[in-house]
Protein backbone atom coordinates (compact mmCIF):
# COMPACT_ATOMS: atom_id res chain seq x y z
CA PRO A 1 1.24 -127.49 116.12
CA LYS A 2 -0.34 -129.41 113.25
CA LEU A 3 -0.30 -127.84 109.79
CA ILE A 4 -3.56 -128.24 107.87
CA ARG A 5 -3.48 -128.06 104.10
CA GLN A 6 -6.69 -126.95 102.43
CA LYS A 7 -7.20 -126.89 98.67
CA ASN A 8 -9.36 -124.24 97.06
CA GLU A 9 -12.49 -125.31 95.23
CA VAL A 10 -14.72 -123.03 93.20
CA THR A 11 -18.06 -124.06 91.68
CA GLU A 12 -20.02 -122.60 88.78
CA ASP A 13 -23.43 -123.38 87.28
CA ILE A 14 -23.22 -123.58 83.49
CA ARG A 15 -25.95 -123.74 80.82
CA ILE A 16 -25.02 -126.14 78.01
CA THR A 17 -24.85 -124.63 74.53
CA GLY A 18 -23.09 -127.49 72.75
CA VAL A 19 -20.89 -130.56 72.95
CA GLU A 20 -17.55 -131.55 71.44
CA GLU A 21 -16.57 -135.04 70.38
CA GLY A 22 -13.57 -136.57 72.05
CA VAL A 23 -10.34 -137.51 70.33
CA GLY A 24 -8.07 -140.52 70.74
CA LYS A 25 -9.41 -142.77 73.49
CA PHE A 26 -12.59 -140.69 73.62
CA ALA A 27 -13.42 -140.78 69.88
CA GLY A 28 -17.12 -141.52 69.44
CA MET A 29 -17.81 -140.22 72.95
CA LEU A 30 -18.23 -136.88 74.64
CA GLY A 31 -15.03 -134.86 74.74
CA ALA A 32 -16.35 -131.72 76.44
CA LEU A 33 -19.51 -129.86 77.35
CA VAL A 34 -19.53 -126.27 76.14
CA GLY A 35 -21.65 -123.77 78.01
CA VAL A 36 -22.23 -120.24 79.21
CA THR A 37 -21.66 -119.10 82.79
CA ALA A 38 -23.84 -116.59 84.64
CA SER A 39 -21.35 -113.85 83.70
CA GLY A 40 -21.70 -114.73 80.00
CA ALA A 41 -18.28 -116.37 79.63
CA VAL A 42 -18.00 -119.48 77.44
CA GLN A 43 -16.61 -122.39 79.47
CA LYS A 44 -15.53 -125.82 78.18
CA VAL A 45 -15.56 -128.71 80.65
CA GLY A 46 -13.90 -131.94 79.57
CA GLY A 47 -12.98 -133.57 82.87
CA GLY A 48 -14.86 -135.36 85.60
CA PHE A 49 -16.73 -137.83 83.37
CA SER A 50 -16.53 -141.62 83.54
CA ASP A 51 -16.23 -143.43 80.21
CA ALA A 52 -19.78 -144.75 80.61
CA LEU A 53 -21.15 -141.25 81.25
CA ARG A 54 -19.22 -139.89 78.25
CA LEU A 55 -20.85 -142.48 76.00
CA THR A 56 -24.34 -141.89 77.43
CA LEU A 57 -24.04 -138.12 77.06
CA TRP A 58 -22.72 -138.43 73.51
CA GLU A 59 -25.69 -140.62 72.54
CA SER A 60 -28.09 -137.98 73.93
CA ARG A 61 -26.06 -134.96 72.73
CA TYR A 62 -28.99 -133.41 70.83
CA ASN A 63 -31.05 -133.21 74.05
CA LEU A 64 -28.33 -131.51 76.13
CA PRO A 65 -28.42 -127.84 74.98
CA GLY A 66 -30.34 -125.75 77.50
CA LYS A 67 -29.67 -128.07 80.45
CA TRP A 68 -27.63 -126.88 83.44
CA PHE A 69 -24.73 -128.53 85.25
CA THR A 70 -22.29 -127.65 88.00
CA ALA A 71 -18.55 -127.65 87.40
CA LYS A 72 -15.81 -127.50 90.02
CA GLY A 73 -12.46 -125.81 89.53
CA LYS A 74 -9.32 -125.10 91.50
CA ALA A 75 -9.53 -121.32 91.10
CA ARG A 76 -11.09 -118.62 88.93
CA PHE A 77 -9.21 -116.62 86.30
CA GLU A 78 -9.71 -112.84 85.99
CA SER A 79 -11.91 -113.60 82.96
CA GLY A 80 -14.31 -115.46 85.26
CA LEU A 81 -13.52 -118.90 83.83
CA LEU A 82 -12.71 -121.84 86.08
CA ARG A 83 -9.16 -123.17 86.24
CA HIS A 84 -9.07 -126.96 85.64
CA PRO A 85 -12.86 -127.37 85.42
CA ASN A 86 -14.41 -130.78 86.10
CA PHE A 87 -18.02 -131.90 85.75
CA SER A 88 -19.77 -132.34 89.09
CA HIS A 89 -23.50 -132.98 88.49
CA PHE A 90 -26.54 -131.91 86.49
CA ARG A 91 -28.90 -129.28 87.94
CA GLU A 92 -32.47 -130.51 87.45
CA ASP A 93 -33.83 -127.57 89.48
CA LEU A 94 -32.64 -124.95 86.95
CA GLU A 95 -34.28 -126.36 83.82
């Protein structure tokens, strides 16, 4: 019999409340989006961005609060936060 390996993936819609500047290679660009989940937990998402997207988002950082995006993670902690969250896409339908 063939063994099939399946990795867990959990998604969460997050409303942006702020942004953090990157450090090192990402200085002068977006480091992380900070937002609130449906359960009220504060989630930081710093992965899943290309360098070009990081720069674009940093240049429009004052227009981001209030927008929604989807993040993907490998699991969910008891606190409700995603484990290893990565940016997936913006949610235009929730604005």
